[in-house]
């Protein structure tokens, strides 16, 4: 059977590499061999190399001059910077409910606390209906994916915290929600050294 090349091999390769990264296919610090990855995704090396260059420009893949491409291994300091950014995104989303608190309530009550803080953050950001904020948060999640996977070890501990945050929104106490968000953020940053091996 003849397999036709896609009309946009670069776009198809970019989508395939993104899906691999999102699925946890790469380990932090792992070198990405273009020819091997191209064979795995079924494209020639050129569009795969172009896709990796694009993702390197977005900070999702690391390009080391003379050594090739690597999946980034974040330091503790870099992880905390990304946590700070996510914290700021959630705070920004909480200011973007001009149509009242009803949509925010509806978004957060649909969250199962056992799904953890990321489900709550996603719901808060989605209810803002701000496309730029949503896109920025998705890029951030791509960079944090291995860290979020490691954080799942704390999911049981955080389910109660998520439930408390949801209750604060239902009660219309955004001030209380912000206090709980800040406390979660502090706990998250404090345990960062346990989530990553390497220099800070």
C-alpha atoms as a PDB file:
ATOM      1  CA  UNK A   1       0.000   0.000   0.000  1.00  0.00           C
ATOM      2  CA  UNK A   2       1.364   3.415  -0.981  1.00  0.00           C
ATOM      3  CA  UNK A   3       1.558   5.953   1.864  1.00  0.00           C
ATOM      4  CA  UNK A   4       1.281   9.546   0.667  1.00  0.00           C
ATOM      5  CA  UNK A   5       3.339  12.298   2.233  1.00  0.00           C
ATOM      6  CA  UNK A   6       1.245  14.862   4.114  1.00  0.00           C
ATOM      7  CA  UNK A   7       0.852  18.219   2.366  1.00  0.00           C
ATOM      8  CA  UNK A   8       2.538  19.893   5.309  1.00  0.00           C
ATOM      9  CA  UNK A   9       5.266  17.527   6.537  1.00  0.00           C
ATOM     10  CA  UNK A  10       6.655  20.195   8.891  1.00  0.00           C
ATOM     11  CA  UNK A  11       3.253  20.733  10.547  1.00  0.00           C
ATOM     12  CA  UNK A  12       2.646  16.994  10.788  1.00  0.00           C
ATOM     13  CA  UNK A  13       6.095  16.419  12.288  1.00  0.00           C
ATOM     14  CA  UNK A  14       5.591  19.287  14.730  1.00  0.00           C
ATOM     15  CA  UNK A  15       2.279  17.782  15.853  1.00  0.00           C
ATOM     16  CA  UNK A  16       3.848  14.331  16.237  1.00  0.00           C
ATOM     17  CA  UNK A  17       6.791  15.596  18.303  1.00  0.00           C
ATOM     18  CA  UNK A  18       4.438  17.658  20.510  1.00  0.00           C
ATOM     19  CA  UNK A  19       2.269  14.573  21.114  1.00  0.00           C
ATOM     20  CA  UNK A  20       5.358  12.580  22.056  1.00  0.00           C
ATOM     21  CA  UNK A  21       6.420  15.249  24.540  1.00  0.00           C
ATOM     22  CA  UNK A  22       2.901  15.535  25.980  1.00  0.00           C
ATOM     23  CA  UNK A  23       2.702  11.768  26.405  1.00  0.00           C
ATOM     24  CA  UNK A  24       5.933  11.718  28.422  1.00  0.00           C
ATOM     25  CA  UNK A  25       7.897   9.942  25.685  1.00  0.00           C
ATOM     26  CA  UNK A  26      11.076  11.876  26.517  1.00  0.00           C
ATOM     27  CA  UNK A  27      12.907  11.819  29.835  1.00  0.00           C
ATOM     28  CA  UNK A  28      14.391  15.024  31.291  1.00  0.00           C
ATOM     29  CA  UNK A  29      17.943  15.486  29.997  1.00  0.00           C
ATOM     30  CA  UNK A  30      17.517  12.824  27.292  1.00  0.00           C
ATOM     31  CA  UNK A  31      19.215  13.530  23.945  1.00  0.00           C
ATOM     32  CA  UNK A  32      16.837  13.529  20.972  1.00  0.00           C
ATOM     33  CA  UNK A  33      18.436  11.885  17.946  1.00  0.00           C
ATOM     34  CA  UNK A  34      16.798  13.416  14.868  1.00  0.00           C
ATOM     35  CA  UNK A  35      17.162  10.359  12.601  1.00  0.00           C
ATOM     36  CA  UNK A  36      15.776   7.978  15.237  1.00  0.00           C
ATOM     37  CA  UNK A  37      12.859  10.294  16.043  1.00  0.00           C
ATOM     38  CA  UNK A  38      12.151  10.766  12.319  1.00  0.00           C
ATOM     39  CA  UNK A  39      11.973   6.996  11.824  1.00  0.00           C
ATOM     40  CA  UNK A  40       9.703   6.677  14.858  1.00  0.00           C
ATOM     41  CA  UNK A  41       7.229   9.317  13.678  1.00  0.00           C
ATOM     42  CA  UNK A  42       7.457   8.259  10.021  1.00  0.00           C
ATOM     43  CA  UNK A  43       8.879  11.423   8.434  1.00  0.00           C
ATOM     44  CA  UNK A  44      12.172  12.396   6.904  1.00  0.00           C
ATOM     45  CA  UNK A  45      14.764  14.066   9.094  1.00  0.00           C
ATOM     46  CA  UNK A  46      14.257  17.555   7.621  1.00  0.00           C
ATOM     47  CA  UNK A  47      10.720  18.301   8.905  1.00  0.00           C
ATOM     48  CA  UNK A  48      11.555  16.672  12.246  1.00  0.00           C
ATOM     49  CA  UNK A  49      14.656  18.852  12.582  1.00  0.00           C
ATOM     50  CA  UNK A  50      12.551  21.926  11.716  1.00  0.00           C
ATOM     51  CA  UNK A  51       9.927  20.898  14.285  1.00  0.00           C
ATOM     52  CA  UNK A  52      12.592  20.500  16.977  1.00  0.00           C
ATOM     53  CA  UNK A  53      14.033  23.912  16.091  1.00  0.00           C
ATOM     54  CA  UNK A  54      10.575  25.473  16.469  1.00  0.00           C
ATOM     55  CA  UNK A  55      10.017  23.768  19.835  1.00  0.00           C
ATOM     56  CA  UNK A  56      13.488  24.873  20.942  1.00  0.00           C
ATOM     57  CA  UNK A  57      12.482  28.439  20.144  1.00  0.00           C
ATOM     58  CA  UNK A  58       9.458  27.989  22.422  1.00  0.00           C
ATOM     59  CA  UNK A  59      11.615  26.575  25.237  1.00  0.00           C
ATOM     60  CA  UNK A  60       9.994  23.122  25.079  1.00  0.00           C
ATOM     61  CA  UNK A  61      13.096  21.441  23.661  1.00  0.00           C
ATOM     62  CA  UNK A  62      16.683  22.393  24.426  1.00  0.00           C
ATOM     63  CA  UNK A  63      19.177  22.941  21.616  1.00  0.00           C
ATOM     64  CA  UNK A  64      22.837  22.652  22.603  1.00  0.00           C
ATOM     65  CA  UNK A  65      25.190  24.092  20.039  1.00  0.00           C
ATOM     66  CA  UNK A  66      27.298  21.349  18.493  1.00  0.00           C
ATOM     67  CA  UNK A  67      25.542  18.635  20.532  1.00  0.00           C
ATOM     68  CA  UNK A  68      22.015  18.534  19.128  1.00  0.00           C
ATOM     69  CA  UNK A  69      18.598  18.535  20.795  1.00  0.00           C
ATOM     70  CA  UNK A  70      17.710  17.457  24.323  1.00  0.00           C
ATOM     71  CA  UNK A  71      14.541  17.219  26.332  1.00  0.00           C
ATOM     72  CA  UNK A  72      15.043  19.857  29.043  1.00  0.00           C
ATOM     73  CA  UNK A  73      15.993  18.834  32.553  1.00  0.00           C
ATOM     74  CA  UNK A  74      14.724  21.699  34.675  1.00  0.00           C
ATOM     75  CA  UNK A  75      16.672  22.856  37.700  1.00  0.00           C
ATOM     76  CA  UNK A  76      14.841  23.534  40.963  1.00  0.00           C
ATOM     77  CA  UNK A  77      15.185  27.286  40.355  1.00  0.00           C
ATOM     78  CA  UNK A  78      13.649  26.960  36.875  1.00  0.00           C
ATOM     79  CA  UNK A  79      10.773  24.880  38.249  1.00  0.00           C
ATOM     80  CA  UNK A  80      10.038  27.477  40.906  1.00  0.00           C
ATOM     81  CA  UNK A  81      10.061  30.186  38.222  1.00  0.00           C
ATOM     82  CA  UNK A  82       7.470  28.185  36.259  1.00  0.00           C
ATOM     83  CA  UNK A  83       5.405  27.622  39.420  1.00  0.00           C
ATOM     84  CA  UNK A  84       5.474  31.392  40.001  1.00  0.00           C
ATOM     85  CA  UNK A  85       4.252  31.961  36.471  1.00  0.00           C
ATOM     86  CA  UNK A  86       1.394  29.479  36.846  1.00  0.00           C
ATOM     87  CA  UNK A  87       0.455  31.100  40.148  1.00  0.00           C
ATOM     88  CA  UNK A  88       0.332  34.479  38.394  1.00  0.00           C
ATOM     89  CA  UNK A  89      -1.801  33.036  35.578  1.00  0.00           C
ATOM     90  CA  UNK A  90      -4.368  31.692  38.047  1.00  0.00           C
ATOM     91  CA  UNK A  91      -4.460  35.048  39.866  1.00  0.00           C
ATOM     92  CA  UNK A  92      -4.930  36.818  36.516  1.00  0.00           C
ATOM     93  CA  UNK A  93      -7.777  34.475  35.563  1.00  0.00           C
ATOM     94  CA  UNK A  94      -9.531  35.265  38.835  1.00  0.00           C
ATOM     95  CA  UNK A  95      -9.712  38.920  37.821  1.00  0.00           C
ATOM     96  CA  UNK A  96     -11.277  38.004  34.463  1.00  0.00           C
ATOM     97  CA  UNK A  97     -14.821  37.058  35.416  1.00  0.00           C
ATOM     98  CA  UNK A  98     -16.618  40.318  34.512  1.00  0.00           C
ATOM     99  CA  UNK A  99     -19.947  38.564  34.064  1.00  0.00           C
ATOM    100  CA  UNK A 100     -20.065  37.750  37.748  1.00  0.00           C
ATOM    101  CA  UNK A 101     -19.089  34.830  39.933  1.00  0.00           C
ATOM    102  CA  UNK A 102     -21.596  32.366  38.461  1.00  0.00           C
ATOM    103  CA  UNK A 103     -19.311  31.096  35.663  1.00  0.00           C
ATOM    104  CA  UNK A 104     -16.394  30.691  38.050  1.00  0.00           C
ATOM    105  CA  UNK A 105     -18.583  28.734  40.484  1.00  0.00           C
ATOM    106  CA  UNK A 106     -19.877  26.537  37.674  1.00  0.00           C
ATOM    107  CA  UNK A 107     -16.327  25.852  36.439  1.00  0.00           C
ATOM    108  CA  UNK A 108     -14.880  24.872  39.815  1.00  0.00           C
ATOM    109  CA  UNK A 109     -17.764  22.760  41.142  1.00  0.00           C
ATOM    110  CA  UNK A 110     -17.237  20.461  38.135  1.00  0.00           C
ATOM    111  CA  UNK A 111     -13.704  19.714  39.393  1.00  0.00           C
ATOM    112  CA  UNK A 112     -13.202  16.446  41.268  1.00  0.00           C
ATOM    113  CA  UNK A 113     -10.746  17.297  44.100  1.00  0.00           C
ATOM    114  CA  UNK A 114      -9.048  13.926  43.549  1.00  0.00           C
ATOM    115  CA  UNK A 115      -7.925  15.185  40.121  1.00  0.00           C
ATOM    116  CA  UNK A 116      -5.652  17.584  41.993  1.00  0.00           C
ATOM    117  CA  UNK A 117      -4.731  21.249  41.783  1.00  0.00           C
ATOM    118  CA  UNK A 118      -3.976  21.198  38.052  1.00  0.00           C
ATOM    119  CA  UNK A 119      -7.621  20.384  37.272  1.00  0.00           C
ATOM    120  CA  UNK A 120      -8.712  23.322  39.434  1.00  0.00           C
ATOM    121  CA  UNK A 121      -6.179  25.679  37.828  1.00  0.00           C
ATOM    122  CA  UNK A 122      -7.301  24.603  34.349  1.00  0.00           C
ATOM    123  CA  UNK A 123     -10.956  25.246  35.264  1.00  0.00           C
ATOM    124  CA  UNK A 124     -10.188  28.699  36.684  1.00  0.00           C
ATOM    125  CA  UNK A 125      -8.158  29.688  33.628  1.00  0.00           C
ATOM    126  CA  UNK A 126     -10.734  28.278  31.175  1.00  0.00           C
ATOM    127  CA  UNK A 127     -13.568  30.258  32.771  1.00  0.00           C
ATOM    128  CA  UNK A 128     -11.698  33.499  32.114  1.00  0.00           C
ATOM    129  CA  UNK A 129     -12.468  33.035  28.390  1.00  0.00           C
ATOM    130  CA  UNK A 130      -9.148  34.744  27.656  1.00  0.00           C
ATOM    131  CA  UNK A 131      -7.634  32.901  24.696  1.00  0.00           C
ATOM    132  CA  UNK A 132      -4.151  34.389  25.162  1.00  0.00           C
ATOM    133  CA  UNK A 133      -4.077  33.367  28.826  1.00  0.00           C
ATOM    134  CA  UNK A 134      -5.302  29.874  27.962  1.00  0.00           C
ATOM    135  CA  UNK A 135      -2.648  29.444  25.260  1.00  0.00           C
ATOM    136  CA  UNK A 136       0.116  30.730  27.550  1.00  0.00           C
ATOM    137  CA  UNK A 137      -1.002  28.311  30.264  1.00  0.00           C
ATOM    138  CA  UNK A 138      -0.919  25.386  27.805  1.00  0.00           C
ATOM    139  CA  UNK A 139       2.683  26.259  26.844  1.00  0.00           C
ATOM    140  CA  UNK A 140       3.573  26.428  30.525  1.00  0.00           C
ATOM    141  CA  UNK A 141       1.986  23.024  31.161  1.00  0.00           C
ATOM    142  CA  UNK A 142       4.074  21.552  28.323  1.00  0.00           C
ATOM    143  CA  UNK A 143       7.245  22.698  30.061  1.00  0.00           C
ATOM    144  CA  UNK A 144       6.037  21.501  33.474  1.00  0.00           C
ATOM    145  CA  UNK A 145       4.706  18.118  32.331  1.00  0.00           C
ATOM    146  CA  UNK A 146       7.455  15.947  33.915  1.00  0.00           C
ATOM    147  CA  UNK A 147       7.242  17.945  37.144  1.00  0.00           C
ATOM    148  CA  UNK A 148       3.456  17.644  37.281  1.00  0.00           C
ATOM    149  CA  UNK A 149       3.814  13.887  36.796  1.00  0.00           C
ATOM    150  CA  UNK A 150       6.188  13.779  39.792  1.00  0.00           C
ATOM    151  CA  UNK A 151       3.779  15.907  41.820  1.00  0.00           C
ATOM    152  CA  UNK A 152       1.077  13.263  41.474  1.00  0.00           C
ATOM    153  CA  UNK A 153       2.702  11.532  44.445  1.00  0.00           C
ATOM    154  CA  UNK A 154       1.192  14.317  46.557  1.00  0.00           C
ATOM    155  CA  UNK A 155      -2.296  14.075  44.998  1.00  0.00           C
ATOM    156  CA  UNK A 156      -3.931  12.539  48.078  1.00  0.00           C
ATOM    157  CA  UNK A 157      -2.471  15.240  50.315  1.00  0.00           C
ATOM    158  CA  UNK A 158      -3.778  17.988  48.033  1.00  0.00           C
ATOM    159  CA  UNK A 159      -7.327  16.667  47.446  1.00  0.00           C
ATOM    160  CA  UNK A 160      -8.508  18.260  50.700  1.00  0.00           C
ATOM    161  CA  UNK A 161      -6.804  21.510  49.746  1.00  0.00           C
ATOM    162  CA  UNK A 162      -8.565  21.536  46.362  1.00  0.00           C
ATOM    163  CA  UNK A 163     -11.926  20.826  48.006  1.00  0.00           C
ATOM    164  CA  UNK A 164     -11.346  23.746  50.392  1.00  0.00           C
ATOM    165  CA  UNK A 165     -10.548  26.058  47.462  1.00  0.00           C
ATOM    166  CA  UNK A 166     -13.717  24.968  45.644  1.00  0.00           C
ATOM    167  CA  UNK A 167     -15.759  25.635  48.806  1.00  0.00           C
ATOM    168  CA  UNK A 168     -14.281  29.136  49.016  1.00  0.00           C
ATOM    169  CA  UNK A 169     -15.439  29.910  45.462  1.00  0.00           C
ATOM    170  CA  UNK A 170     -18.911  28.478  46.111  1.00  0.00           C
ATOM    171  CA  UNK A 171     -19.149  30.703  49.190  1.00  0.00           C
ATOM    172  CA  UNK A 172     -18.101  33.694  47.097  1.00  0.00           C
ATOM    173  CA  UNK A 173     -14.963  34.153  49.206  1.00  0.00           C
ATOM    174  CA  UNK A 174     -12.336  34.900  46.574  1.00  0.00           C
ATOM    175  CA  UNK A 175     -10.170  36.380  49.323  1.00  0.00           C
ATOM    176  CA  UNK A 176     -10.147  32.996  51.072  1.00  0.00           C
ATOM    177  CA  UNK A 177      -9.464  31.211  47.775  1.00  0.00           C
ATOM    178  CA  UNK A 178      -6.439  33.453  47.212  1.00  0.00           C
ATOM    179  CA  UNK A 179      -5.125  32.611  50.703  1.00  0.00           C
ATOM    180  CA  UNK A 180      -5.410  28.874  49.959  1.00  0.00           C
ATOM    181  CA  UNK A 181      -3.799  29.316  46.536  1.00  0.00           C
ATOM    182  CA  UNK A 182      -0.878  31.154  48.130  1.00  0.00           C
ATOM    183  CA  UNK A 183      -0.490  28.432  50.793  1.00  0.00           C
ATOM    184  CA  UNK A 184      -0.529  25.710  48.113  1.00  0.00           C
ATOM    185  CA  UNK A 185       2.037  27.620  46.091  1.00  0.00           C
ATOM    186  CA  UNK A 186       4.336  27.910  49.127  1.00  0.00           C
ATOM    187  CA  UNK A 187       4.080  24.143  49.827  1.00  0.00           C
ATOM    188  CA  UNK A 188       4.723  23.383  46.184  1.00  0.00           C
ATOM    189  CA  UNK A 189       7.849  25.514  46.036  1.00  0.00           C
ATOM    190  CA  UNK A 190       9.128  24.080  49.329  1.00  0.00           C
ATOM    191  CA  UNK A 191       9.062  20.513  48.025  1.00  0.00           C
ATOM    192  CA  UNK A 192      10.665  21.325  44.667  1.00  0.00           C
ATOM    193  CA  UNK A 193      14.081  19.960  45.684  1.00  0.00           C
ATOM    194  CA  UNK A 194      12.456  16.563  46.165  1.00  0.00           C
ATOM    195  CA  UNK A 195      11.035  16.662  42.622  1.00  0.00           C
ATOM    196  CA  UNK A 196      14.260  17.269  40.774  1.00  0.00           C
ATOM    197  CA  UNK A 197      17.787  15.956  40.838  1.00  0.00           C
ATOM    198  CA  UNK A 198      20.487  18.393  39.913  1.00  0.00           C
ATOM    199  CA  UNK A 199      21.797  21.825  40.805  1.00  0.00           C
ATOM    200  CA  UNK A 200      19.487  24.595  41.939  1.00  0.00           C
END
